Amino acid sequence: MKNLEPELDELFRAYRQSFADVDPSAGFMPGVWEKIEARRSLAFRVTHLARAFLGATAVLFTLMAGIFVLAGERTTPEPHESYLDSLASAHATDSMMESMHAETGETNPQ
């Protein structure tokens, strides 16, 4: 095992010499991000903007649909009687009005 240490040390020394020294200053990461941003193309930026716009549109649509559904539930009363029931009650009201006019002797009820 000890006879491999000089070879390993030589390998690490060659590795360090093959790469440039990394700048350990406070501006290292901002510099890396500047290089990354410089390589991004216009198409990438437009695609990123389009995805953000599509996401915002989906959220807005969902909110508006929820508002319309909730508002519709509050303003639209549920029918408690069927169509035939409402016709029957309307006919009964008409019959009562005709009988009232007949009792009073009116000839042209309006």
PDB file of N, CA and C in Angstrom:
ATOM      1  N   MET A   1       0.822  -1.194   0.000  1.00  0.00           N
ATOM      2  CA  MET A   1       0.000   0.000   0.000  1.00  0.00           C
ATOM      3  C   MET A   1       0.866   1.258   0.000  1.00  0.00           C
ATOM      4  N   LYS A   2       1.993   1.188   0.744  1.00  0.00           N
ATOM      5  CA  LYS A   2       2.850   2.369   0.827  1.00  0.00           C
ATOM      6  C   LYS A   2       3.572   2.641  -0.486  1.00  0.00           C
ATOM      7  N   ASN A   3       3.782   1.635  -1.295  1.00  0.00           N
ATOM      8  CA  ASN A   3       4.472   1.866  -2.551  1.00  0.00           C
ATOM      9  C   ASN A   3       3.565   2.534  -3.588  1.00  0.00           C
ATOM     10  N   LEU A   4       2.237   2.592  -3.347  1.00  0.00           N
ATOM     11  CA  LEU A   4       1.309   3.282  -4.246  1.00  0.00           C
ATOM     12  C   LEU A   4       1.184   4.767  -3.925  1.00  0.00           C
ATOM     13  N   GLU A   5       1.594   5.179  -2.743  1.00  0.00           N
ATOM     14  CA  GLU A   5       1.435   6.588  -2.364  1.00  0.00           C
ATOM     15  C   GLU A   5       2.218   7.543  -3.251  1.00  0.00           C
ATOM     16  N   PRO A   6       3.453   7.265  -3.623  1.00  0.00           N
ATOM     17  CA  PRO A   6       4.154   8.199  -4.524  1.00  0.00           C
ATOM     18  C   PRO A   6       3.461   8.312  -5.888  1.00  0.00           C
ATOM     19  N   GLU A   7       2.922   7.193  -6.378  1.00  0.00           N
ATOM     20  CA  GLU A   7       2.207   7.254  -7.657  1.00  0.00           C
ATOM     21  C   GLU A   7       0.933   8.076  -7.544  1.00  0.00           C
ATOM     22  N   LEU A   8       0.231   7.924  -6.408  1.00  0.00           N
ATOM     23  CA  LEU A   8      -0.992   8.693  -6.188  1.00  0.00           C
ATOM     24  C   LEU A   8      -0.683  10.176  -6.037  1.00  0.00           C
ATOM     25  N   ASP A   9       0.393  10.486  -5.321  1.00  0.00           N
ATOM     26  CA  ASP A   9       0.795  11.895  -5.183  1.00  0.00           C
ATOM     27  C   ASP A   9       1.141  12.488  -6.538  1.00  0.00           C
ATOM     28  N   GLU A  10       1.814  11.730  -7.386  1.00  0.00           N
ATOM     29  CA  GLU A  10       2.163  12.204  -8.722  1.00  0.00           C
ATOM     30  C   GLU A  10       0.903  12.420  -9.566  1.00  0.00           C
ATOM     31  N   LEU A  11      -0.084  11.549  -9.421  1.00  0.00           N
ATOM     32  CA  LEU A  11      -1.349  11.691 -10.151  1.00  0.00           C
ATOM     33  C   LEU A  11      -2.092  12.960  -9.721  1.00  0.00           C
ATOM     34  N   PHE A  12      -2.168  13.199  -8.402  1.00  0.00           N
ATOM     35  CA  PHE A  12      -2.812  14.429  -7.923  1.00  0.00           C
ATOM     36  C   PHE A  12      -2.062  15.674  -8.382  1.00  0.00           C
ATOM     37  N   ARG A  13      -0.738  15.645  -8.406  1.00  0.00           N
ATOM     38  CA  ARG A  13       0.066  16.791  -8.832  1.00  0.00           C
ATOM     39  C   ARG A  13      -0.209  17.079 -10.313  1.00  0.00           C
ATOM     40  N   ALA A  14      -0.288  16.036 -11.131  1.00  0.00           N
ATOM     41  CA  ALA A  14      -0.577  16.207 -12.560  1.00  0.00           C
ATOM     42  C   ALA A  14      -1.994  16.745 -12.760  1.00  0.00           C
ATOM     43  N   TYR A  15      -2.910  16.278 -11.938  1.00  0.00           N
ATOM     44  CA  TYR A  15      -4.289  16.747 -12.028  1.00  0.00           C
ATOM     45  C   TYR A  15      -4.367  18.238 -11.715  1.00  0.00           C
ATOM     46  N   ARG A  16      -3.716  18.681 -10.645  1.00  0.00           N
ATOM     47  CA  ARG A  16      -3.746  20.100 -10.260  1.00  0.00           C
ATOM     48  C   ARG A  16      -3.086  20.979 -11.311  1.00  0.00           C
ATOM     49  N   GLN A  17      -2.073  20.487 -11.954  1.00  0.00           N
ATOM     50  CA  GLN A  17      -1.381  21.286 -12.961  1.00  0.00           C
ATOM     51  C   GLN A  17      -2.176  21.380 -14.263  1.00  0.00           C
ATOM     52  N   SER A  18      -3.048  20.420 -14.508  1.00  0.00           N
ATOM     53  CA  SER A  18      -3.807  20.427 -15.753  1.00  0.00           C
ATOM     54  C   SER A  18      -4.973  21.411 -15.747  1.00  0.00           C
ATOM     55  N   PHE A  19      -5.411  21.830 -14.569  1.00  0.00           N
ATOM     56  CA  PHE A  19      -6.520  22.787 -14.476  1.00  0.00           C
ATOM     57  C   PHE A  19      -6.037  24.101 -13.900  1.00  0.00           C
ATOM     58  N   ALA A  20      -6.660  25.184 -14.337  1.00  0.00           N
ATOM     59  CA  ALA A  20      -6.316  26.510 -13.821  1.00  0.00           C
ATOM     60  C   ALA A  20      -6.799  26.638 -12.383  1.00  0.00           C
ATOM     61  N   ASP A  21      -6.162  27.495 -11.638  1.00  0.00           N
ATOM     62  CA  ASP A  21      -6.575  27.722 -10.255  1.00  0.00           C
ATOM     63  C   ASP A  21      -7.919  28.433 -10.229  1.00  0.00           C
ATOM     64  N   VAL A  22      -8.743  28.014  -9.317  1.00  0.00           N
ATOM     65  CA  VAL A  22     -10.065  28.610  -9.155  1.00  0.00           C
ATOM     66  C   VAL A  22      -9.928  29.846  -8.283  1.00  0.00           C
ATOM     67  N   ASP A  23     -10.582  30.909  -8.704  1.00  0.00           N
ATOM     68  CA  ASP A  23     -10.533  32.159  -7.948  1.00  0.00           C
ATOM     69  C   ASP A  23     -11.419  32.030  -6.712  1.00  0.00           C
ATOM     70  N   PRO A  24     -10.863  32.008  -5.513  1.00  0.00           N
ATOM     71  CA  PRO A  24     -11.684  31.822  -4.319  1.00  0.00           C
ATOM     72  C   PRO A  24     -12.239  33.124  -3.742  1.00  0.00           C
ATOM     73  N   SER A  25     -12.351  34.165  -4.556  1.00  0.00           N
ATOM     74  CA  SER A  25     -12.821  35.449  -4.035  1.00  0.00           C
ATOM     75  C   SER A  25     -14.341  35.467  -3.904  1.00  0.00           C
ATOM     76  N   ALA A  26     -14.852  36.561  -3.343  1.00  0.00           N
ATOM     77  CA  ALA A  26     -16.292  36.702  -3.127  1.00  0.00           C
ATOM     78  C   ALA A  26     -17.052  36.861  -4.449  1.00  0.00           C
ATOM     79  N   GLY A  27     -16.390  37.272  -5.493  1.00  0.00           N
ATOM     80  CA  GLY A  27     -17.051  37.467  -6.783  1.00  0.00           C
ATOM     81  C   GLY A  27     -17.004  36.248  -7.683  1.00  0.00           C
ATOM     82  N   PHE A  28     -16.592  35.099  -7.145  1.00  0.00           N
ATOM     83  CA  PHE A  28     -16.475  33.900  -7.983  1.00  0.00           C
ATOM     84  C   PHE A  28     -17.818  33.445  -8.526  1.00  0.00           C
ATOM     85  N   MET A  29     -18.798  33.229  -7.654  1.00  0.00           N
ATOM     86  CA  MET A  29     -20.107  32.729  -8.100  1.00  0.00           C
ATOM     87  C   MET A  29     -20.831  33.735  -9.002  1.00  0.00           C
ATOM     88  N   PRO A  30     -20.827  35.035  -8.681  1.00  0.00           N
ATOM     89  CA  PRO A  30     -21.449  35.969  -9.640  1.00  0.00           C
ATOM     90  C   PRO A  30     -20.770  35.932 -11.007  1.00  0.00           C
ATOM     91  N   GLY A  31     -19.454  35.726 -11.020  1.00  0.00           N
ATOM     92  CA  GLY A  31     -18.746  35.618 -12.295  1.00  0.00           C
ATOM     93  C   GLY A  31     -19.163  34.390 -13.073  1.00  0.00           C
ATOM     94  N   VAL A  32     -19.350  33.286 -12.372  1.00  0.00           N
ATOM     95  CA  VAL A  32     -19.803  32.064 -13.031  1.00  0.00           C
ATOM     96  C   VAL A  32     -21.185  32.271 -13.633  1.00  0.00           C
ATOM     97  N   TRP A  33     -22.089  32.915 -12.878  1.00  0.00           N
ATOM     98  CA  TRP A  33     -23.439  33.133 -13.390  1.00  0.00           C
ATOM     99  C   TRP A  33     -23.453  34.115 -14.556  1.00  0.00           C
ATOM    100  N   GLU A  34     -22.553  35.087 -14.556  1.00  0.00           N
ATOM    101  CA  GLU A  34     -22.467  35.995 -15.703  1.00  0.00           C
ATOM    102  C   GLU A  34     -22.073  35.232 -16.965  1.00  0.00           C
ATOM    103  N   LYS A  35     -21.131  34.291 -16.824  1.00  0.00           N
ATOM    104  CA  LYS A  35     -20.729  33.491 -17.975  1.00  0.00           C
ATOM    105  C   LYS A  35     -21.868  32.604 -18.459  1.00  0.00           C
ATOM    106  N   ILE A  36     -22.613  32.042 -17.528  1.00  0.00           N
ATOM    107  CA  ILE A  36     -23.743  31.190 -17.899  1.00  0.00           C
ATOM    108  C   ILE A  36     -24.812  32.008 -18.613  1.00  0.00           C
ATOM    109  N   GLU A  37     -25.142  33.162 -18.082  1.00  0.00           N
ATOM    110  CA  GLU A  37     -26.155  34.025 -18.698  1.00  0.00           C
ATOM    111  C   GLU A  37     -25.715  34.507 -20.071  1.00  0.00           C
ATOM    112  N   ALA A  38     -24.421  34.748 -20.254  1.00  0.00           N
ATOM    113  CA  ALA A  38     -23.930  35.215 -21.551  1.00  0.00           C
ATOM    114  C   ALA A  38     -24.087  34.136 -22.614  1.00  0.00           C
ATOM    115  N   ARG A  39     -24.036  32.872 -22.228  1.00  0.00           N
ATOM    116  CA  ARG A  39     -24.163  31.779 -23.187  1.00  0.00           C
ATOM    117  C   ARG A  39     -25.608  31.479 -23.564  1.00  0.00           C
ATOM    118  N   ARG A  40     -26.536  31.919 -22.765  1.00  0.00           N
ATOM    119  CA  ARG A  40     -27.943  31.635 -23.068  1.00  0.00           C
ATOM    120  C   ARG A  40     -28.382  32.436 -24.286  1.00  0.00           C
ATOM    121  N   SER A  41     -29.126  31.787 -25.145  1.00  0.00           N
ATOM    122  CA  SER A  41     -29.553  32.424 -26.381  1.00  0.00           C
ATOM    123  C   SER A  41     -30.868  33.179 -26.184  1.00  0.00           C
ATOM    124  N   LEU A  42     -31.218  33.937 -27.190  1.00  0.00           N
ATOM    125  CA  LEU A  42     -32.475  34.680 -27.165  1.00  0.00           C
ATOM    126  C   LEU A  42     -33.656  33.720 -27.156  1.00  0.00           C
ATOM    127  N   ALA A  43     -33.544  32.622 -27.872  1.00  0.00           N
ATOM    128  CA  ALA A  43     -34.635  31.640 -27.915  1.00  0.00           C
ATOM    129  C   ALA A  43     -34.897  31.072 -26.521  1.00  0.00           C
ATOM    130  N   PHE A  44     -33.833  30.828 -25.757  1.00  0.00           N
ATOM    131  CA  PHE A  44     -34.008  30.329 -24.395  1.00  0.00           C
ATOM    132  C   PHE A  44     -34.742  31.358 -23.542  1.00  0.00           C
ATOM    133  N   ARG A  45     -34.381  32.608 -23.675  1.00  0.00           N
ATOM    134  CA  ARG A  45     -35.035  33.664 -22.883  1.00  0.00           C
ATOM    135  C   ARG A  45     -36.502  33.817 -23.261  1.00  0.00           C
ATOM    136  N   VAL A  46     -36.811  33.751 -24.567  1.00  0.00           N
ATOM    137  CA  VAL A  46     -38.200  33.860 -25.018  1.00  0.00           C
ATOM    138  C   VAL A  46     -39.002  32.656 -24.532  1.00  0.00           C
ATOM    139  N   THR A  47     -38.414  31.471 -24.577  1.00  0.00           N
ATOM    140  CA  THR A  47     -39.090  30.270 -24.095  1.00  0.00           C
ATOM    141  C   THR A  47     -39.381  30.375 -22.605  1.00  0.00           C
ATOM    142  N   HIS A  48     -38.410  30.869 -21.855  1.00  0.00           N
ATOM    143  CA  HIS A  48     -38.595  31.035 -20.409  1.00  0.00           C
ATOM    144  C   HIS A  48     -39.723  32.037 -20.121  1.00  0.00           C
ATOM    145  N   LEU A  49     -39.741  33.134 -20.859  1.00  0.00           N
ATOM    146  CA  LEU A  49     -40.785  34.144 -20.687  1.00  0.00           C
ATOM    147  C   LEU A  49     -42.157  33.589 -21.081  1.00  0.00           C
ATOM    148  N   ALA A  50     -42.216  32.812 -22.150  1.00  0.00           N
ATOM    149  CA  ALA A  50     -43.490  32.230 -22.590  1.00  0.00           C
ATOM    150  C   ALA A  50     -44.029  31.245 -21.559  1.00  0.00           C
ATOM    151  N   ARG A  51     -43.145  30.456 -20.959  1.00  0.00           N
ATOM    152  CA  ARG A  51     -43.593  29.519 -19.921  1.00  0.00           C
ATOM    153  C   ARG A  51     -44.133  30.257 -18.710  1.00  0.00           C
ATOM    154  N   ALA A  52     -43.466  31.325 -18.319  1.00  0.00           N
ATOM    155  CA  ALA A  52     -43.947  32.112 -17.185  1.00  0.00           C
ATOM    156  C   ALA A  52     -45.305  32.730 -17.503  1.00  0.00           C
ATOM    157  N   PHE A  53     -45.467  33.248 -18.718  1.00  0.00           N
ATOM    158  CA  PHE A  53     -46.738  33.842 -19.125  1.00  0.00           C
ATOM    159  C   PHE A  53     -47.842  32.797 -19.167  1.00  0.00           C
ATOM    160  N   LEU A  54     -47.540  31.605 -19.663  1.00  0.00           N
ATOM    161  CA  LEU A  54     -48.522  30.533 -19.722  1.00  0.00           C
ATOM    162  C   LEU A  54     -48.951  30.108 -18.317  1.00  0.00           C
ATOM    163  N   GLY A  55     -48.017  30.028 -17.409  1.00  0.00           N
ATOM    164  CA  GLY A  55     -48.348  29.677 -16.026  1.00  0.00           C
ATOM    165  C   GLY A  55     -49.225  30.727 -15.369  1.00  0.00           C
ATOM    166  N   ALA A  56     -48.885  31.995 -15.583  1.00  0.00           N
ATOM    167  CA  ALA A  56     -49.693  33.075 -15.012  1.00  0.00           C
ATOM    168  C   ALA A  56     -51.094  33.075 -15.603  1.00  0.00           C
ATOM    169  N   THR A  57     -51.206  32.797 -16.893  1.00  0.00           N
ATOM    170  CA  THR A  57     -52.516  32.740 -17.545  1.00  0.00           C
ATOM    171  C   THR A  57     -53.354  31.595 -16.981  1.00  0.00           C
ATOM    172  N   ALA A  58     -52.736  30.453 -16.755  1.00  0.00           N
ATOM    173  CA  ALA A  58     -53.463  29.308 -16.196  1.00  0.00           C
ATOM    174  C   ALA A  58     -53.974  29.611 -14.792  1.00  0.00           C
ATOM    175  N   VAL A  59     -53.145  30.254 -13.985  1.00  0.00           N
ATOM    176  CA  VAL A  59     -53.568  30.613 -12.629  1.00  0.00           C
ATOM    177  C   VAL A  59     -54.708  31.618 -12.683  1.00  0.00           C
ATOM    178  N   LEU A  60     -54.600  32.625 -13.536  1.00  0.00           N
ATOM    179  CA  LEU A  60     -55.652  33.633 -13.669  1.00  0.00           C
ATOM    180  C   LEU A  60     -56.955  33.007 -14.150  1.00  0.00           C
ATOM    181  N   PHE A  61     -56.881  32.111 -15.127  1.00  0.00           N
ATOM    182  CA  PHE A  61     -58.083  31.444 -15.630  1.00  0.00           C
ATOM    183  C   PHE A  61     -58.747  30.620 -14.537  1.00  0.00           C
ATOM    184  N   THR A  62     -57.949  29.899 -13.761  1.00  0.00           N
ATOM    185  CA  THR A  62     -58.497  29.083 -12.676  1.00  0.00           C
ATOM    186  C   THR A  62     -59.192  29.949 -11.638  1.00  0.00           C
ATOM    187  N   LEU A  63     -58.577  31.063 -11.279  1.00  0.00           N
ATOM    188  CA  LEU A  63     -59.203  31.965 -10.312  1.00  0.00           C
ATOM    189  C   LEU A  63     -60.508  32.552 -10.847  1.00  0.00           C
ATOM    190  N   MET A  64     -60.500  32.969 -12.106  1.00  0.00           N
ATOM    191  CA  MET A  64     -61.720  33.547 -12.683  1.00  0.00           C
ATOM    192  C   MET A  64     -62.826  32.508 -12.782  1.00  0.00           C
ATOM    193  N   ALA A  65     -62.485  31.282 -13.165  1.00  0.00           N
ATOM    194  CA  ALA A  65     -63.492  30.224 -13.246  1.00  0.00           C
ATOM    195  C   ALA A  65     -64.077  29.941 -11.867  1.00  0.00           C
ATOM    196  N   GLY A  66     -63.231  29.926 -10.856  1.00  0.00           N
ATOM    197  CA  GLY A  66     -63.725  29.715  -9.494  1.00  0.00           C
ATOM    198  C   GLY A  66     -64.646  30.826  -9.040  1.00  0.00           C
ATOM    199  N   ILE A  67     -64.303  32.057  -9.373  1.00  0.00           N
ATOM    200  CA  ILE A  67     -65.151  33.192  -8.993  1.00  0.00           C
ATOM    201  C   ILE A  67     -66.502  33.107  -9.697  1.00  0.00           C
ATOM    202  N   PHE A  68     -66.493  32.771 -11.000  1.00  0.00           N
ATOM    203  CA  PHE A  68     -67.757  32.671 -11.735  1.00  0.00           C
ATOM    204  C   PHE A  68     -68.627  31.541 -11.206  1.00  0.00           C
ATOM    205  N   VAL A  69     -68.014  30.440 -10.845  1.00  0.00           N
ATOM    206  CA  VAL A  69     -68.789  29.317 -10.312  1.00  0.00           C
ATOM    207  C   VAL A  69     -69.405  29.692  -8.974  1.00  0.00           C
ATOM    208  N   LEU A  70     -68.610  30.307  -8.103  1.00  0.00           N
ATOM    209  CA  LEU A  70     -69.136  30.701  -6.796  1.00  0.00           C
ATOM    210  C   LEU A  70     -70.192  31.796  -6.915  1.00  0.00           C
ATOM    211  N   ALA A  71     -69.982  32.749  -7.812  1.00  0.00           N
ATOM    212  CA  ALA A  71     -70.964  33.813  -7.995  1.00  0.00           C
ATOM    213  C   ALA A  71     -72.249  33.258  -8.596  1.00  0.00           C
ATOM    214  N   GLY A  72     -72.134  32.295  -9.495  1.00  0.00           N
ATOM    215  CA  GLY A  72     -73.314  31.689 -10.103  1.00  0.00           C
ATOM    216  C   GLY A  72     -74.141  30.918  -9.098  1.00  0.00           C
ATOM    217  N   GLU A  73     -73.489  30.294  -8.133  1.00  0.00           N
ATOM    218  CA  GLU A  73     -74.223  29.548  -7.115  1.00  0.00           C
ATOM    219  C   GLU A  73     -75.007  30.475  -6.199  1.00  0.00           C
ATOM    220  N   ARG A  74     -74.501  31.637  -5.958  1.00  0.00           N
ATOM    221  CA  ARG A  74     -75.192  32.572  -5.052  1.00  0.00           C
ATOM    222  C   ARG A  74     -76.376  33.258  -5.712  1.00  0.00           C
ATOM    223  N   THR A  75     -76.290  33.553  -7.012  1.00  0.00           N
ATOM    224  CA  THR A  75     -77.337  34.338  -7.661  1.00  0.00           C
ATOM    225  C   THR A  75     -78.407  33.484  -8.333  1.00  0.00           C
ATOM    226  N   THR A  76     -78.120  32.243  -8.653  1.00  0.00           N
ATOM    227  CA  THR A  76     -79.082  31.405  -9.345  1.00  0.00           C
ATOM    228  C   THR A  76     -79.818  30.535  -8.327  1.00  0.00           C
ATOM    229  N   PRO A  77     -81.113  30.796  -8.149  1.00  0.00           N
ATOM    230  CA  PRO A  77     -81.842  29.953  -7.192  1.00  0.00           C
ATOM    231  C   PRO A  77     -82.092  28.564  -7.773  1.00  0.00           C
ATOM    232  N   GLU A  78     -82.119  27.601  -6.915  1.00  0.00           N
ATOM    233  CA  GLU A  78     -82.414  26.238  -7.340  1.00  0.00           C
ATOM    234  C   GLU A  78     -83.928  26.104  -7.530  1.00  0.00           C
ATOM    235  N   PRO A  79     -84.362  25.531  -8.637  1.00  0.00           N
ATOM    236  CA  PRO A  79     -85.803  25.336  -8.818  1.00  0.00           C
ATOM    237  C   PRO A  79     -86.308  24.244  -7.865  1.00  0.00           C
ATOM    238  N   HIS A  80     -87.339  24.588  -7.151  1.00  0.00           N
ATOM    239  CA  HIS A  80     -87.901  23.650  -6.186  1.00  0.00           C
ATOM    240  C   HIS A  80     -89.111  22.908  -6.737  1.00  0.00           C
ATOM    241  N   GLU A  81     -89.560  23.324  -7.899  1.00  0.00           N
ATOM    242  CA  GLU A  81     -90.699  22.638  -8.494  1.00  0.00           C
ATOM    243  C   GLU A  81     -90.403  22.369  -9.956  1.00  0.00           C
ATOM    244  N   SER A  82     -91.070  21.408 -10.492  1.00  0.00           N
ATOM    245  CA  SER A  82     -90.845  21.046 -11.887  1.00  0.00           C
ATOM    246  C   SER A  82     -91.599  22.013 -12.794  1.00  0.00           C
ATOM    247  N   TYR A  83     -91.364  21.883 -14.075  1.00  0.00           N
ATOM    248  CA  TYR A  83     -92.036  22.723 -15.050  1.00  0.00           C
ATOM    249  C   TYR A  83     -93.547  22.506 -15.017  1.00  0.00           C
ATOM    250  N   LEU A  84     -93.957  21.271 -14.886  1.00  0.00           N
ATOM    251  CA  LEU A  84     -95.398  20.977 -14.827  1.00  0.00           C
ATOM    252  C   LEU A  84     -96.034  21.567 -13.566  1.00  0.00           C
ATOM    253  N   ASP A  85     -95.310  21.522 -12.445  1.00  0.00           N
ATOM    254  CA  ASP A  85     -95.839  22.121 -11.214  1.00  0.00           C
ATOM    255  C   ASP A  85     -96.024  23.624 -11.372  1.00  0.00           C
ATOM    256  N   SER A  86     -95.064  24.293 -12.015  1.00  0.00           N
ATOM    257  CA  SER A  86     -95.207  25.741 -12.193  1.00  0.00           C
ATOM    258  C   SER A  86     -96.350  26.074 -13.151  1.00  0.00           C
ATOM    259  N   LEU A  87     -96.555  25.249 -14.192  1.00  0.00           N
ATOM    260  CA  LEU A  87     -97.696  25.476 -15.086  1.00  0.00           C
ATOM    261  C   LEU A  87     -99.021  25.275 -14.360  1.00  0.00           C
ATOM    262  N   ALA A  88     -99.084  24.260 -13.525  1.00  0.00           N
ATOM    263  CA  ALA A  88    -100.313  23.991 -12.784  1.00  0.00           C
ATOM    264  C   ALA A  88    -100.623  25.129 -11.826  1.00  0.00           C
ATOM    265  N   SER A  89     -99.599  25.641 -11.154  1.00  0.00           N
ATOM    266  CA  SER A  89     -99.860  26.748 -10.218  1.00  0.00           C
ATOM    267  C   SER A  89    -100.246  28.014 -10.977  1.00  0.00           C
ATOM    268  N   ALA A  90     -99.671  28.244 -12.157  1.00  0.00           N
ATOM    269  CA  ALA A  90    -100.049  29.406 -12.957  1.00  0.00           C
ATOM    270  C   ALA A  90    -101.479  29.262 -13.462  1.00  0.00           C
ATOM    271  N   HIS A  91    -101.864  28.061 -13.856  1.00  0.00           N
ATOM    272  CA  HIS A  91    -103.232  27.826 -14.321  1.00  0.00           C
ATOM    273  C   HIS A  91    -104.228  28.000 -13.166  1.00  0.00           C
ATOM    274  N   ALA A  92    -103.843  27.553 -11.983  1.00  0.00           N
ATOM    275  CA  ALA A  92    -104.727  27.719 -10.824  1.00  0.00           C
ATOM    276  C   ALA A  92    -104.911  29.191 -10.509  1.00  0.00           C
ATOM    277  N   THR A  93    -103.858  29.972 -10.642  1.00  0.00           N
ATOM    278  CA  THR A  93    -103.965  31.412 -10.388  1.00  0.00           C
ATOM    279  C   THR A  93    -104.855  32.057 -11.432  1.00  0.00           C
ATOM    280  N   ASP A  94    -104.716  31.664 -12.695  1.00  0.00           N
ATOM    281  CA  ASP A  94    -105.570  32.215 -13.752  1.00  0.00           C
ATOM    282  C   ASP A  94    -107.028  31.849 -13.506  1.00  0.00           C
ATOM    283  N   SER A  95    -107.279  30.610 -13.099  1.00  0.00           N
ATOM    284  CA  SER A  95    -108.654  30.168 -12.828  1.00  0.00           C
ATOM    285  C   SER A  95    -109.253  30.958 -11.668  1.00  0.00           C
ATOM    286  N   MET A  96    -108.447  31.232 -10.644  1.00  0.00           N
ATOM    287  CA  MET A  96    -108.951  31.998  -9.492  1.00  0.00           C
ATOM    288  C   MET A  96    -109.289  33.421  -9.914  1.00  0.00           C
ATOM    289  N   MET A  97    -108.451  34.007 -10.774  1.00  0.00           N
ATOM    290  CA  MET A  97    -108.710  35.376 -11.232  1.00  0.00           C
ATOM    291  C   MET A  97    -109.984  35.428 -12.076  1.00  0.00           C
ATOM    292  N   GLU A  98    -110.183  34.434 -12.937  1.00  0.00           N
ATOM    293  CA  GLU A  98    -111.385  34.400 -13.762  1.00  0.00           C
ATOM    294  C   GLU A  98    -112.633  34.247 -12.894  1.00  0.00           C
ATOM    295  N   SER A  99    -112.553  33.407 -11.879  1.00  0.00           N
ATOM    296  CA  SER A  99    -113.729  33.224 -11.017  1.00  0.00           C
ATOM    297  C   SER A  99    -113.997  34.485 -10.206  1.00  0.00           C
ATOM    298  N   MET A 100    -112.948  35.225  -9.793  1.00  0.00           N
ATOM    299  CA  MET A 100    -113.157  36.472  -9.049  1.00  0.00           C
ATOM    300  C   MET A 100    -113.823  37.515  -9.940  1.00  0.00           C
ATOM    301  N   HIS A 101    -113.398  37.606 -11.182  1.00  0.00           N
ATOM    302  CA  HIS A 101    -113.990  38.565 -12.107  1.00  0.00           C
ATOM    303  C   HIS A 101    -115.429  38.165 -12.447  1.00  0.00           C
ATOM    304  N   ALA A 102    -115.700  36.905 -12.531  1.00  0.00           N
ATOM    305  CA  ALA A 102    -117.055  36.443 -12.821  1.00  0.00           C
ATOM    306  C   ALA A 102    -117.982  36.789 -11.654  1.00  0.00           C
ATOM    307  N   GLU A 103    -117.504  36.687 -10.422  1.00  0.00           N
ATOM    308  CA  GLU A 103    -118.339  37.013  -9.252  1.00  0.00           C
ATOM    309  C   GLU A 103    -118.624  38.502  -9.156  1.00  0.00           C
ATOM    310  N   THR A 104    -117.664  39.329  -9.543  1.00  0.00           N
ATOM    311  CA  THR A 104    -117.864  40.770  -9.440  1.00  0.00           C
ATOM    312  C   THR A 104    -118.622  41.329 -10.644  1.00  0.00           C
ATOM    313  N   GLY A 105    -118.682  40.571 -11.715  1.00  0.00           N
ATOM    314  CA  GLY A 105    -119.455  40.997 -12.865  1.00  0.00           C
ATOM    315  C   GLY A 105    -118.631  41.784 -13.872  1.00  0.00           C
ATOM    316  N   GLU A 106    -117.300  41.770 -13.747  1.00  0.00           N
ATOM    317  CA  GLU A 106    -116.471  42.471 -14.730  1.00  0.00           C
ATOM    318  C   GLU A 106    -116.426  41.660 -16.013  1.00  0.00           C
ATOM    319  N   THR A 107    -116.470  42.363 -17.129  1.00  0.00           N
ATOM    320  CA  THR A 107    -116.490  41.667 -18.417  1.00  0.00           C
ATOM    321  C   THR A 107    -115.124  41.607 -19.081  1.00  0.00           C
ATOM    322  N   ASN A 108    -114.261  42.547 -18.778  1.00  0.00           N
ATOM    323  CA  ASN A 108    -112.954  42.584 -19.428  1.00  0.00           C
ATOM    324  C   ASN A 108    -111.854  42.595 -18.362  1.00  0.00           C
ATOM    325  N   PRO A 109    -111.465  41.461 -17.802  1.00  0.00           N
ATOM    326  CA  PRO A 109    -110.429  41.460 -16.786  1.00  0.00           C
ATOM    327  C   PRO A 109    -109.050  41.659 -17.387  1.00  0.00           C
ATOM    328  N   GLN A 110    -108.234  42.517 -16.732  1.00  0.00           N
ATOM    329  CA  GLN A 110    -106.856  42.727 -17.203  1.00  0.00           C
ATOM    330  C   GLN A 110    -105.917  42.717 -16.086  1.00  0.00           C
TER     331      GLN A 110
END
